[in-house]
Amino acid sequence: MKQLFGTFGVRRIANTVLTPEFASKIAAAYGTKVKGTIAIGSDPRTSSEMIKHAVTAGLLSAGCNVVDLGMLPTPAVQYAVRQYYDGGIMITASHNPPQYNGLKLLDADGIGTPDELEEEIEDIYFNDKQERVSWDKLGKAYKRDIIDEYCDEVIKRVDAEKIREAKLKVVLDCGSGAACGTTPYIIRKLGCEITTLNCQPDGAFPGR
């Protein structure tokens, strides 16, 4: 029976249970199993930057390379992983209140890790079996901006001409979350007249 993972990843109160040490240890356990190059993204929660650095450190220590995709929604990270990488970690607690944060672990297909892998990660975590590579085998970290590519891919998958012809008027509320950097752009590119609410990222989520 799993002790860390819920329906999709791990969610806890930030810096109380989900400390940098906790996040780094889970990331190292994940990196020990998955290997390769891992993409990470985050939402705008006030704790996301702290946790992102901890996750990066854990992955690097296990010999993984890390690509920081920045602040973007979970589907964008899933897209990037499916297209280019060996796995991914999205730092978010989805709909939970702002004091929470979490780690959504992704497999190479960009979907959530299967139960069997999560059980193996928990075994590594609880028994301190993380692989810590030698100094000359540590992974490398770099940044990549994939937002434009992701938005263009979304637009390709809908009937853009039909939407433009409809001349829709859209009211969009991004809830001050990670979609602030993608959804308004997509809707405008589809020719809609848009009124935005709560479309400035804010980790306190004042509009929710």
N, C-alpha and C. Protein backbone atom coordinates (compact mmCIF):
# COMPACT_ATOMS: atom_id res chain seq x y z
N MET A 1 0.85 -1.20 0.00
CA MET A 1 0.00 0.00 0.00
C MET A 1 0.88 1.25 0.00
N LYS A 2 0.57 2.19 -0.89
CA LYS A 2 1.39 3.39 -1.02
C LYS A 2 1.19 4.33 0.17
N GLN A 3 2.29 4.94 0.60
CA GLN A 3 2.25 5.84 1.75
C GLN A 3 2.44 7.30 1.36
N LEU A 4 3.13 7.54 0.25
CA LEU A 4 3.42 8.92 -0.16
C LEU A 4 2.46 9.42 -1.24
N PHE A 5 2.15 8.56 -2.20
CA PHE A 5 1.44 8.99 -3.39
C PHE A 5 -0.07 8.92 -3.22
N GLY A 6 -0.74 9.93 -3.78
CA GLY A 6 -2.19 9.95 -3.84
C GLY A 6 -2.66 9.61 -5.23
N THR A 7 -3.79 10.20 -5.64
CA THR A 7 -4.36 9.92 -6.96
C THR A 7 -3.41 10.30 -8.07
N PHE A 8 -2.75 11.44 -7.96
CA PHE A 8 -1.79 11.89 -8.97
C PHE A 8 -0.67 12.62 -8.25
N GLY A 9 0.35 11.89 -7.84
CA GLY A 9 1.51 12.50 -7.23
C GLY A 9 1.42 12.63 -5.72
N VAL A 10 2.23 13.55 -5.20
CA VAL A 10 2.38 13.77 -3.76
C VAL A 10 1.98 15.21 -3.46
N ARG A 11 1.08 15.42 -2.52
CA ARG A 11 0.68 16.78 -2.11
C ARG A 11 0.75 16.90 -0.60
N ARG A 12 1.38 17.98 -0.16
CA ARG A 12 1.52 18.23 1.27
C ARG A 12 1.56 19.75 1.49
N ILE A 13 1.48 20.18 2.76
CA ILE A 13 1.65 21.60 3.07
C ILE A 13 3.12 21.96 2.89
N ALA A 14 3.35 23.02 2.14
CA ALA A 14 4.71 23.42 1.78
C ALA A 14 5.50 23.88 3.00
N ASN A 15 6.73 23.40 3.06
CA ASN A 15 7.71 23.78 4.08
C ASN A 15 7.31 23.37 5.49
N THR A 16 6.26 22.54 5.58
CA THR A 16 5.90 21.90 6.84
C THR A 16 6.17 20.41 6.71
N VAL A 17 5.50 19.78 5.75
CA VAL A 17 5.81 18.40 5.37
C VAL A 17 6.61 18.39 4.07
N LEU A 18 6.11 19.13 3.09
CA LEU A 18 6.81 19.21 1.80
C LEU A 18 7.95 20.23 1.91
N THR A 19 9.01 19.80 2.59
CA THR A 19 10.20 20.62 2.78
C THR A 19 11.16 20.40 1.61
N PRO A 20 12.20 21.23 1.48
CA PRO A 20 13.20 20.97 0.44
C PRO A 20 13.83 19.59 0.57
N GLU A 21 14.06 19.14 1.81
CA GLU A 21 14.67 17.82 2.01
C GLU A 21 13.74 16.71 1.52
N PHE A 22 12.46 16.85 1.83
CA PHE A 22 11.44 15.87 1.41
C PHE A 22 11.38 15.81 -0.12
N ALA A 23 11.31 16.99 -0.76
CA ALA A 23 11.19 17.05 -2.22
C ALA A 23 12.44 16.50 -2.90
N SER A 24 13.60 16.86 -2.38
CA SER A 24 14.85 16.39 -2.97
C SER A 24 14.99 14.88 -2.88
N LYS A 25 14.57 14.32 -1.76
CA LYS A 25 14.68 12.88 -1.56
C LYS A 25 13.75 12.11 -2.49
N ILE A 26 12.52 12.61 -2.67
CA ILE A 26 11.60 11.97 -3.62
C ILE A 26 12.16 12.07 -5.04
N ALA A 27 12.67 13.25 -5.40
CA ALA A 27 13.21 13.44 -6.75
C ALA A 27 14.39 12.52 -7.00
N ALA A 28 15.25 12.34 -6.00
CA ALA A 28 16.39 11.44 -6.16
C ALA A 28 15.94 10.00 -6.32
N ALA A 29 14.89 9.61 -5.59
CA ALA A 29 14.34 8.25 -5.73
C ALA A 29 13.76 8.05 -7.12
N TYR A 30 13.03 9.05 -7.60
CA TYR A 30 12.48 9.00 -8.96
C TYR A 30 13.61 8.93 -9.99
N GLY A 31 14.63 9.79 -9.84
CA GLY A 31 15.75 9.79 -10.77
C GLY A 31 16.52 8.50 -10.77
N THR A 32 16.60 7.84 -9.62
CA THR A 32 17.28 6.55 -9.53
C THR A 32 16.62 5.52 -10.43
N LYS A 33 15.29 5.57 -10.54
CA LYS A 33 14.55 4.62 -11.37
C LYS A 33 14.48 5.03 -12.83
N VAL A 34 14.28 6.32 -13.09
CA VAL A 34 13.95 6.75 -14.46
C VAL A 34 15.19 7.05 -15.28
N LYS A 35 16.17 7.73 -14.71
CA LYS A 35 17.41 8.10 -15.41
C LYS A 35 17.13 9.07 -16.57
N GLY A 36 18.17 9.42 -17.30
CA GLY A 36 18.01 10.24 -18.50
C GLY A 36 17.80 11.71 -18.20
N THR A 37 17.04 12.36 -19.07
CA THR A 37 16.78 13.80 -18.97
C THR A 37 15.34 14.02 -18.51
N ILE A 38 15.18 14.79 -17.46
CA ILE A 38 13.88 15.00 -16.81
C ILE A 38 13.48 16.46 -16.95
N ALA A 39 12.27 16.71 -17.43
CA ALA A 39 11.73 18.07 -17.52
C ALA A 39 10.99 18.41 -16.24
N ILE A 40 11.15 19.65 -15.78
CA ILE A 40 10.38 20.10 -14.63
C ILE A 40 9.68 21.41 -14.96
N GLY A 41 8.48 21.56 -14.44
CA GLY A 41 7.72 22.80 -14.58
C GLY A 41 7.06 23.10 -13.26
N SER A 42 6.48 24.28 -13.15
CA SER A 42 5.86 24.64 -11.87
C SER A 42 4.71 25.62 -12.08
N ASP A 43 3.84 25.70 -11.07
CA ASP A 43 2.81 26.73 -11.06
C ASP A 43 3.33 27.91 -10.23
N PRO A 44 2.56 29.00 -10.09
CA PRO A 44 3.10 30.20 -9.43
C PRO A 44 2.99 30.21 -7.91
N ARG A 45 2.71 29.09 -7.27
CA ARG A 45 2.63 29.08 -5.81
C ARG A 45 3.92 29.65 -5.20
N THR A 46 3.78 30.29 -4.07
CA THR A 46 4.93 30.96 -3.46
C THR A 46 6.04 29.98 -3.09
N SER A 47 5.70 28.72 -2.90
CA SER A 47 6.70 27.72 -2.54
C SER A 47 7.31 27.01 -3.75
N SER A 48 6.79 27.26 -4.95
CA SER A 48 7.22 26.48 -6.11
C SER A 48 8.69 26.65 -6.44
N GLU A 49 9.20 27.87 -6.32
CA GLU A 49 10.61 28.10 -6.65
C GLU A 49 11.52 27.34 -5.70
N MET A 50 11.21 27.38 -4.42
CA MET A 50 11.99 26.64 -3.43
C MET A 50 12.00 25.15 -3.74
N ILE A 51 10.81 24.61 -4.01
CA ILE A 51 10.70 23.17 -4.25
C ILE A 51 11.37 22.80 -5.56
N LYS A 52 11.29 23.67 -6.56
CA LYS A 52 11.93 23.39 -7.85
C LYS A 52 13.44 23.22 -7.69
N HIS A 53 14.06 24.08 -6.89
CA HIS A 53 15.51 23.95 -6.68
C HIS A 53 15.84 22.65 -5.95
N ALA A 54 14.99 22.27 -5.00
CA ALA A 54 15.23 21.01 -4.27
C ALA A 54 15.08 19.81 -5.20
N VAL A 55 14.04 19.82 -6.03
CA VAL A 55 13.82 18.74 -6.99
C VAL A 55 14.99 18.65 -7.96
N THR A 56 15.44 19.79 -8.45
CA THR A 56 16.58 19.80 -9.36
C THR A 56 17.81 19.17 -8.71
N ALA A 57 18.09 19.55 -7.47
CA ALA A 57 19.24 19.00 -6.77
C ALA A 57 19.14 17.49 -6.62
N GLY A 58 17.95 17.01 -6.26
CA GLY A 58 17.77 15.57 -6.10
C GLY A 58 17.99 14.81 -7.39
N LEU A 59 17.47 15.33 -8.48
CA LEU A 59 17.64 14.68 -9.78
C LEU A 59 19.10 14.69 -10.23
N LEU A 60 19.76 15.84 -10.09
CA LEU A 60 21.17 15.94 -10.48
C LEU A 60 22.02 14.96 -9.68
N SER A 61 21.71 14.81 -8.40
CA SER A 61 22.51 13.92 -7.55
C SER A 61 22.38 12.46 -7.95
N ALA A 62 21.25 12.12 -8.61
CA ALA A 62 21.04 10.76 -9.10
C ALA A 62 21.58 10.57 -10.51
N GLY A 63 22.21 11.61 -11.06
CA GLY A 63 22.81 11.50 -12.39
C GLY A 63 21.92 11.90 -13.54
N CYS A 64 20.74 12.43 -13.25
CA CYS A 64 19.83 12.88 -14.31
C CYS A 64 20.20 14.28 -14.78
N ASN A 65 19.94 14.56 -16.04
CA ASN A 65 19.95 15.93 -16.54
C ASN A 65 18.57 16.54 -16.29
N VAL A 66 18.52 17.85 -16.09
CA VAL A 66 17.27 18.52 -15.75
C VAL A 66 17.03 19.69 -16.69
N VAL A 67 15.82 19.73 -17.26
CA VAL A 67 15.40 20.85 -18.11
C VAL A 67 14.31 21.61 -17.37
N ASP A 68 14.59 22.86 -17.04
CA ASP A 68 13.62 23.71 -16.35
C ASP A 68 12.77 24.43 -17.40
N LEU A 69 11.49 24.06 -17.47
CA LEU A 69 10.57 24.66 -18.45
C LEU A 69 9.91 25.93 -17.92
N GLY A 70 10.13 26.25 -16.66
CA GLY A 70 9.56 27.47 -16.09
C GLY A 70 8.13 27.28 -15.61
N MET A 71 7.40 28.40 -15.51
CA MET A 71 6.01 28.35 -15.05
C MET A 71 5.10 28.08 -16.24
N LEU A 72 4.37 26.99 -16.18
CA LEU A 72 3.44 26.62 -17.24
C LEU A 72 2.51 25.54 -16.72
N PRO A 73 1.36 25.33 -17.39
CA PRO A 73 0.38 24.36 -16.88
C PRO A 73 0.84 22.92 -17.08
N THR A 74 0.26 22.04 -16.30
CA THR A 74 0.64 20.62 -16.34
C THR A 74 0.59 20.03 -17.75
N PRO A 75 -0.45 20.28 -18.56
CA PRO A 75 -0.46 19.68 -19.91
C PRO A 75 0.73 20.10 -20.77
N ALA A 76 1.27 21.30 -20.54
CA ALA A 76 2.43 21.74 -21.31
C ALA A 76 3.66 20.92 -20.94
N VAL A 77 3.81 20.62 -19.65
CA VAL A 77 4.92 19.76 -19.23
C VAL A 77 4.73 18.35 -19.79
N GLN A 78 3.49 17.86 -19.76
CA GLN A 78 3.21 16.54 -20.31
C GLN A 78 3.54 16.48 -21.80
N TYR A 79 3.20 17.53 -22.53
CA TYR A 79 3.53 17.61 -23.95
C TYR A 79 5.04 17.55 -24.16
N ALA A 80 5.78 18.36 -23.40
CA ALA A 80 7.23 18.41 -23.55
C ALA A 80 7.87 17.06 -23.27
N VAL A 81 7.40 16.39 -22.21
CA VAL A 81 7.96 15.09 -21.86
C VAL A 81 7.70 14.08 -22.97
N ARG A 82 6.47 14.04 -23.45
CA ARG A 82 6.12 13.08 -24.50
C ARG A 82 6.96 13.30 -25.76
N GLN A 83 7.24 14.57 -26.07
CA GLN A 83 7.98 14.88 -27.29
C GLN A 83 9.48 14.68 -27.15
N TYR A 84 10.04 14.99 -25.98
CA TYR A 84 11.49 15.15 -25.92
C TYR A 84 12.23 14.44 -24.78
N TYR A 85 11.56 14.08 -23.69
CA TYR A 85 12.32 13.74 -22.49
C TYR A 85 11.98 12.35 -21.94
N ASP A 86 12.73 11.93 -20.95
CA ASP A 86 12.58 10.59 -20.37
C ASP A 86 11.60 10.55 -19.21
N GLY A 87 11.22 11.70 -18.72
CA GLY A 87 10.28 11.80 -17.61
C GLY A 87 10.08 13.25 -17.25
N GLY A 88 9.25 13.48 -16.24
CA GLY A 88 8.98 14.87 -15.86
C GLY A 88 8.43 14.96 -14.45
N ILE A 89 8.61 16.13 -13.86
CA ILE A 89 8.02 16.43 -12.55
C ILE A 89 7.37 17.80 -12.64
N MET A 90 6.07 17.85 -12.39
CA MET A 90 5.33 19.10 -12.34
C MET A 90 5.13 19.47 -10.88
N ILE A 91 5.56 20.67 -10.52
CA ILE A 91 5.44 21.15 -9.14
C ILE A 91 4.16 21.95 -9.03
N THR A 92 3.15 21.35 -8.44
CA THR A 92 1.82 21.96 -8.34
C THR A 92 0.98 21.18 -7.35
N ALA A 93 0.00 21.84 -6.78
CA ALA A 93 -1.00 21.14 -5.97
C ALA A 93 -2.39 21.32 -6.57
N SER A 94 -2.42 21.66 -7.87
CA SER A 94 -3.68 21.78 -8.61
C SER A 94 -4.66 22.72 -7.91
N HIS A 95 -5.82 22.19 -7.51
CA HIS A 95 -6.89 23.02 -6.95
C HIS A 95 -6.72 23.28 -5.45
N ASN A 96 -5.73 22.67 -4.82
CA ASN A 96 -5.58 22.82 -3.37
C ASN A 96 -5.24 24.26 -2.98
N PRO A 97 -5.52 24.63 -1.73
CA PRO A 97 -5.23 26.00 -1.27
C PRO A 97 -3.75 26.34 -1.40
N PRO A 98 -3.42 27.64 -1.33
CA PRO A 98 -2.05 28.08 -1.65
C PRO A 98 -0.98 27.57 -0.70
N GLN A 99 -1.33 27.15 0.50
CA GLN A 99 -0.31 26.66 1.42
C GLN A 99 0.20 25.27 1.03
N TYR A 100 -0.52 24.61 0.14
CA TYR A 100 -0.11 23.29 -0.34
C TYR A 100 0.79 23.41 -1.56
N ASN A 101 1.57 22.36 -1.77
CA ASN A 101 2.23 22.17 -3.06
C ASN A 101 2.40 20.67 -3.25
N GLY A 102 2.90 20.29 -4.40
CA GLY A 102 3.02 18.87 -4.67
C GLY A 102 3.94 18.57 -5.83
N LEU A 103 4.16 17.28 -6.04
CA LEU A 103 4.99 16.79 -7.13
C LEU A 103 4.16 15.80 -7.94
N LYS A 104 3.92 16.12 -9.20
CA LYS A 104 3.29 15.18 -10.12
C LYS A 104 4.40 14.54 -10.95
N LEU A 105 4.59 13.25 -10.77
CA LEU A 105 5.64 12.54 -11.49
C LEU A 105 5.08 11.96 -12.77
N LEU A 106 5.81 12.14 -13.86
CA LEU A 106 5.36 11.71 -15.19
C LEU A 106 6.30 10.67 -15.75
N ASP A 107 5.73 9.71 -16.51
CA ASP A 107 6.59 8.78 -17.23
C ASP A 107 6.92 9.33 -18.61
N ALA A 108 7.61 8.57 -19.43
CA ALA A 108 8.08 9.08 -20.72
C ALA A 108 6.95 9.39 -21.69
N ASP A 109 5.75 8.87 -21.44
CA ASP A 109 4.60 9.18 -22.29
C ASP A 109 3.90 10.46 -21.85
N GLY A 110 4.38 11.07 -20.77
CA GLY A 110 3.77 12.30 -20.29
C GLY A 110 2.57 12.09 -19.40
N ILE A 111 2.28 10.85 -19.04
CA ILE A 111 1.16 10.57 -18.15
C ILE A 111 1.70 10.25 -16.76
N GLY A 112 0.83 10.13 -15.79
CA GLY A 112 1.27 9.85 -14.44
C GLY A 112 1.98 8.52 -14.32
N THR A 113 2.90 8.43 -13.40
CA THR A 113 3.64 7.19 -13.20
C THR A 113 2.71 6.07 -12.73
N PRO A 114 2.93 4.84 -13.21
CA PRO A 114 2.06 3.72 -12.80
C PRO A 114 2.29 3.35 -11.34
N ASP A 115 1.32 2.64 -10.77
CA ASP A 115 1.39 2.25 -9.36
C ASP A 115 2.67 1.48 -9.05
N GLU A 116 3.08 0.59 -9.96
CA GLU A 116 4.26 -0.23 -9.70
C GLU A 116 5.51 0.64 -9.52
N LEU A 117 5.65 1.66 -10.39
CA LEU A 117 6.80 2.54 -10.29
C LEU A 117 6.74 3.37 -9.01
N GLU A 118 5.55 3.84 -8.66
CA GLU A 118 5.41 4.61 -7.42
C GLU A 118 5.77 3.78 -6.20
N GLU A 119 5.40 2.51 -6.21
CA GLU A 119 5.77 1.64 -5.09
C GLU A 119 7.28 1.44 -5.02
N GLU A 120 7.93 1.34 -6.18
CA GLU A 120 9.39 1.21 -6.20
C GLU A 120 10.05 2.49 -5.70
N ILE A 121 9.50 3.64 -6.10
CA ILE A 121 10.04 4.92 -5.63
C ILE A 121 9.90 5.04 -4.12
N GLU A 122 8.76 4.61 -3.59
CA GLU A 122 8.57 4.65 -2.14
C GLU A 122 9.55 3.73 -1.42
N ASP A 123 9.82 2.57 -2.01
CA ASP A 123 10.78 1.65 -1.40
C ASP A 123 12.17 2.29 -1.34
N ILE A 124 12.56 2.94 -2.42
CA ILE A 124 13.85 3.64 -2.44
C ILE A 124 13.86 4.76 -1.41
N TYR A 125 12.76 5.51 -1.36
CA TYR A 125 12.66 6.66 -0.44
C TYR A 125 12.79 6.22 1.02
N PHE A 126 11.97 5.26 1.41
CA PHE A 126 11.91 4.88 2.83
C PHE A 126 13.13 4.07 3.29
N ASN A 127 13.82 3.44 2.34
CA ASN A 127 14.98 2.62 2.70
C ASN A 127 16.30 3.27 2.30
N ASP A 128 16.23 4.55 1.95
CA ASP A 128 17.44 5.33 1.61
C ASP A 128 18.30 4.62 0.57
N LYS A 129 17.66 4.17 -0.51
CA LYS A 129 18.40 3.46 -1.56
C LYS A 129 18.61 4.33 -2.80
N GLN A 130 18.51 5.65 -2.65
CA GLN A 130 18.75 6.54 -3.77
C GLN A 130 20.18 6.36 -4.28
N GLU A 131 20.31 6.37 -5.60
CA GLU A 131 21.65 6.35 -6.17
C GLU A 131 22.24 7.76 -6.11
N ARG A 132 23.40 7.90 -5.54
CA ARG A 132 24.11 9.18 -5.50
C ARG A 132 25.38 8.99 -6.32
N VAL A 133 25.40 9.57 -7.50
CA VAL A 133 26.51 9.33 -8.42
C VAL A 133 27.75 10.09 -7.96
N SER A 134 28.91 9.71 -8.48
CA SER A 134 30.15 10.39 -8.15
C SER A 134 30.16 11.80 -8.75
N TRP A 135 31.03 12.63 -8.25
CA TRP A 135 31.05 14.05 -8.62
C TRP A 135 31.16 14.25 -10.13
N ASP A 136 31.88 13.34 -10.82
CA ASP A 136 32.08 13.51 -12.26
C ASP A 136 30.95 12.92 -13.10
N LYS A 137 29.92 12.38 -12.43
CA LYS A 137 28.75 11.82 -13.14
C LYS A 137 27.47 12.61 -12.84
N LEU A 138 27.60 13.70 -12.11
CA LEU A 138 26.43 14.52 -11.80
C LEU A 138 25.77 15.03 -13.07
N GLY A 139 24.43 15.15 -13.04
CA GLY A 139 23.71 15.66 -14.20
C GLY A 139 23.93 17.15 -14.42
N LYS A 140 23.44 17.63 -15.54
CA LYS A 140 23.52 19.05 -15.89
C LYS A 140 22.11 19.63 -15.94
N ALA A 141 21.99 20.92 -15.62
CA ALA A 141 20.70 21.60 -15.62
C ALA A 141 20.71 22.76 -16.59
N TYR A 142 19.61 22.92 -17.32
CA TYR A 142 19.48 24.06 -18.22
C TYR A 142 18.01 24.42 -18.36
N LYS A 143 17.75 25.55 -18.98
CA LYS A 143 16.38 26.05 -19.15
C LYS A 143 15.94 25.91 -20.60
N ARG A 144 14.63 25.80 -20.80
CA ARG A 144 14.06 25.78 -22.15
C ARG A 144 12.68 26.41 -22.11
N ASP A 145 12.41 27.25 -23.09
CA ASP A 145 11.08 27.87 -23.22
C ASP A 145 10.30 27.12 -24.30
N ILE A 146 9.25 26.45 -23.88
CA ILE A 146 8.47 25.65 -24.82
C ILE A 146 7.05 26.17 -24.98
N ILE A 147 6.75 27.32 -24.38
CA ILE A 147 5.37 27.81 -24.35
C ILE A 147 4.81 28.06 -25.74
N ASP A 148 5.56 28.76 -26.60
CA ASP A 148 5.05 29.05 -27.94
C ASP A 148 4.78 27.76 -28.71
N GLU A 149 5.70 26.82 -28.63
CA GLU A 149 5.51 25.54 -29.33
C GLU A 149 4.28 24.81 -28.82
N TYR A 150 4.10 24.79 -27.51
CA TYR A 150 2.94 24.12 -26.92
C TYR A 150 1.64 24.79 -27.36
N CYS A 151 1.59 26.12 -27.31
CA CYS A 151 0.37 26.84 -27.70
C CYS A 151 0.03 26.58 -29.17
N ASP A 152 1.04 26.61 -30.03
CA ASP A 152 0.81 26.34 -31.45
C ASP A 152 0.30 24.92 -31.66
N GLU A 153 0.80 23.98 -30.87
CA GLU A 153 0.35 22.60 -30.99
C GLU A 153 -1.11 22.47 -30.57
N VAL A 154 -1.52 23.17 -29.52
CA VAL A 154 -2.92 23.16 -29.10
C VAL A 154 -3.81 23.68 -30.22
N ILE A 155 -3.41 24.78 -30.83
CA ILE A 155 -4.21 25.39 -31.90
C ILE A 155 -4.33 24.45 -33.10
N LYS A 156 -3.29 23.70 -33.39
CA LYS A 156 -3.32 22.74 -34.51
C LYS A 156 -4.36 21.65 -34.29
N ARG A 157 -4.67 21.37 -33.05
CA ARG A 157 -5.54 20.23 -32.73
C ARG A 157 -7.02 20.59 -32.62
N VAL A 158 -7.36 21.83 -32.94
CA VAL A 158 -8.76 22.24 -32.98
C VAL A 158 -9.06 22.79 -34.37
N ASP A 159 -10.33 22.98 -34.67
CA ASP A 159 -10.71 23.57 -35.96
C ASP A 159 -10.61 25.09 -35.83
N ALA A 160 -9.41 25.60 -36.03
CA ALA A 160 -9.14 27.01 -35.79
C ALA A 160 -9.98 27.91 -36.69
N GLU A 161 -10.18 27.52 -37.93
CA GLU A 161 -10.95 28.35 -38.86
C GLU A 161 -12.40 28.48 -38.43
N LYS A 162 -12.99 27.37 -38.00
CA LYS A 162 -14.38 27.40 -37.53
C LYS A 162 -14.51 28.33 -36.32
N ILE A 163 -13.55 28.24 -35.43
CA ILE A 163 -13.59 29.09 -34.23
C ILE A 163 -13.45 30.56 -34.61
N ARG A 164 -12.55 30.85 -35.55
CA ARG A 164 -12.37 32.25 -35.98
C ARG A 164 -13.63 32.78 -36.66
N GLU A 165 -14.25 31.93 -37.47
CA GLU A 165 -15.48 32.34 -38.17
C GLU A 165 -16.61 32.64 -37.18
N ALA A 166 -16.62 31.96 -36.05
CA ALA A 166 -17.69 32.15 -35.07
C ALA A 166 -17.60 33.48 -34.35
N LYS A 167 -16.43 34.12 -34.39
CA LYS A 167 -16.23 35.43 -33.75
C LYS A 167 -16.75 35.42 -32.30
N LEU A 168 -16.24 34.49 -31.57
CA LEU A 168 -16.70 34.29 -30.20
C LEU A 168 -16.22 35.40 -29.26
N LYS A 169 -17.06 35.70 -28.27
CA LYS A 169 -16.67 36.57 -27.17
C LYS A 169 -16.49 35.69 -25.94
N VAL A 170 -15.30 35.73 -25.38
CA VAL A 170 -14.93 34.79 -24.32
C VAL A 170 -14.54 35.54 -23.05
N VAL A 171 -15.09 35.11 -21.92
CA VAL A 171 -14.64 35.58 -20.62
C VAL A 171 -13.76 34.48 -20.03
N LEU A 172 -12.53 34.81 -19.72
CA LEU A 172 -11.56 33.81 -19.26
C LEU A 172 -11.07 34.16 -17.86
N ASP A 173 -11.19 33.22 -16.94
CA ASP A 173 -10.67 33.37 -15.58
C ASP A 173 -9.60 32.29 -15.37
N CYS A 174 -8.35 32.70 -15.32
CA CYS A 174 -7.24 31.76 -15.14
C CYS A 174 -6.94 31.47 -13.67
N GLY A 175 -7.68 32.09 -12.76
CA GLY A 175 -7.49 31.79 -11.35
C GLY A 175 -6.12 32.13 -10.82
N SER A 176 -5.41 33.03 -11.50
CA SER A 176 -4.05 33.44 -11.12
C SER A 176 -3.05 32.30 -11.15
N GLY A 177 -3.39 31.23 -11.91
CA GLY A 177 -2.53 30.05 -11.95
C GLY A 177 -1.61 29.99 -13.15
N ALA A 178 -1.08 28.81 -13.40
CA ALA A 178 -0.05 28.63 -14.42
C ALA A 178 -0.57 28.85 -15.84
N ALA A 179 -1.87 28.73 -16.05
CA ALA A 179 -2.43 28.93 -17.39
C ALA A 179 -2.42 30.39 -17.83
N CYS A 180 -2.07 31.29 -16.93
CA CYS A 180 -2.01 32.72 -17.29
C CYS A 180 -1.08 32.97 -18.47
N GLY A 181 -0.05 32.16 -18.59
CA GLY A 181 0.93 32.36 -19.65
C GLY A 181 0.62 31.65 -20.95
N THR A 182 -0.47 30.89 -21.01
CA THR A 182 -0.78 30.13 -22.22
C THR A 182 -2.20 30.35 -22.74
N THR A 183 -3.19 30.23 -21.88
CA THR A 183 -4.58 30.23 -22.35
C THR A 183 -5.01 31.54 -22.99
N PRO A 184 -4.71 32.72 -22.43
CA PRO A 184 -5.09 33.96 -23.12
C PRO A 184 -4.49 34.05 -24.52
N TYR A 185 -3.24 33.63 -24.65
CA TYR A 185 -2.56 33.65 -25.95
C TYR A 185 -3.28 32.74 -26.94
N ILE A 186 -3.62 31.53 -26.51
CA ILE A 186 -4.29 30.57 -27.40
C ILE A 186 -5.63 31.12 -27.86
N ILE A 187 -6.42 31.66 -26.94
CA ILE A 187 -7.76 32.14 -27.30
C ILE A 187 -7.67 33.34 -28.24
N ARG A 188 -6.71 34.22 -28.00
CA ARG A 188 -6.54 35.37 -28.91
C ARG A 188 -6.10 34.91 -30.29
N LYS A 189 -5.21 33.93 -30.36
CA LYS A 189 -4.75 33.40 -31.65
C LYS A 189 -5.89 32.76 -32.43
N LEU A 190 -6.92 32.34 -31.73
CA LEU A 190 -8.09 31.74 -32.38
C LEU A 190 -9.12 32.80 -32.77
N GLY A 191 -8.75 34.06 -32.65
CA GLY A 191 -9.60 35.14 -33.15
C GLY A 191 -10.74 35.53 -32.25
N CYS A 192 -10.70 35.11 -31.01
CA CYS A 192 -11.79 35.44 -30.09
C CYS A 192 -11.57 36.81 -29.45
N GLU A 193 -12.69 37.46 -29.16
CA GLU A 193 -12.63 38.69 -28.36
C GLU A 193 -12.65 38.25 -26.90
N ILE A 194 -11.64 38.63 -26.15
CA ILE A 194 -11.46 38.03 -24.83
C ILE A 194 -11.46 39.08 -23.73
N THR A 195 -12.18 38.77 -22.66
CA THR A 195 -12.13 39.55 -21.43
C THR A 195 -11.50 38.66 -20.36
N THR A 196 -10.41 39.14 -19.75
CA THR A 196 -9.68 38.30 -18.81
C THR A 196 -9.94 38.70 -17.36
N LEU A 197 -9.99 37.70 -16.51
CA LEU A 197 -10.09 37.88 -15.05
C LEU A 197 -9.00 37.04 -14.40
N ASN A 198 -8.35 37.59 -13.40
CA ASN A 198 -7.33 36.84 -12.64
C ASN A 198 -6.31 36.17 -13.56
N CYS A 199 -5.84 36.93 -14.53
CA CYS A 199 -4.87 36.39 -15.49
C CYS A 199 -3.46 36.92 -15.26
N GLN A 200 -3.19 37.33 -14.03
CA GLN A 200 -1.83 37.63 -13.59
C GLN A 200 -1.42 36.57 -12.57
N PRO A 201 -0.31 35.89 -12.78
CA PRO A 201 0.09 34.84 -11.83
C PRO A 201 0.24 35.40 -10.41
N ASP A 202 -0.31 34.68 -9.45
CA ASP A 202 -0.23 35.11 -8.05
C ASP A 202 -0.35 33.86 -7.18
N GLY A 203 0.72 33.53 -6.49
CA GLY A 203 0.76 32.30 -5.70
C GLY A 203 -0.20 32.25 -4.53
N ALA A 204 -0.80 33.38 -4.18
CA ALA A 204 -1.81 33.39 -3.12
C ALA A 204 -3.21 33.13 -3.66
N PHE A 205 -3.35 33.09 -4.99
CA PHE A 205 -4.63 32.83 -5.67
C PHE A 205 -5.76 33.70 -5.12
N PRO A 206 -5.63 35.02 -5.18
CA PRO A 206 -6.64 35.89 -4.57
C PRO A 206 -8.00 35.82 -5.23
N GLY A 207 -8.06 35.36 -6.47
CA GLY A 207 -9.34 35.32 -7.17
C GLY A 207 -10.11 34.03 -6.99
N ARG A 208 -9.58 33.11 -6.23
CA ARG A 208 -10.27 31.82 -6.07
C ARG A 208 -11.21 31.85 -4.87
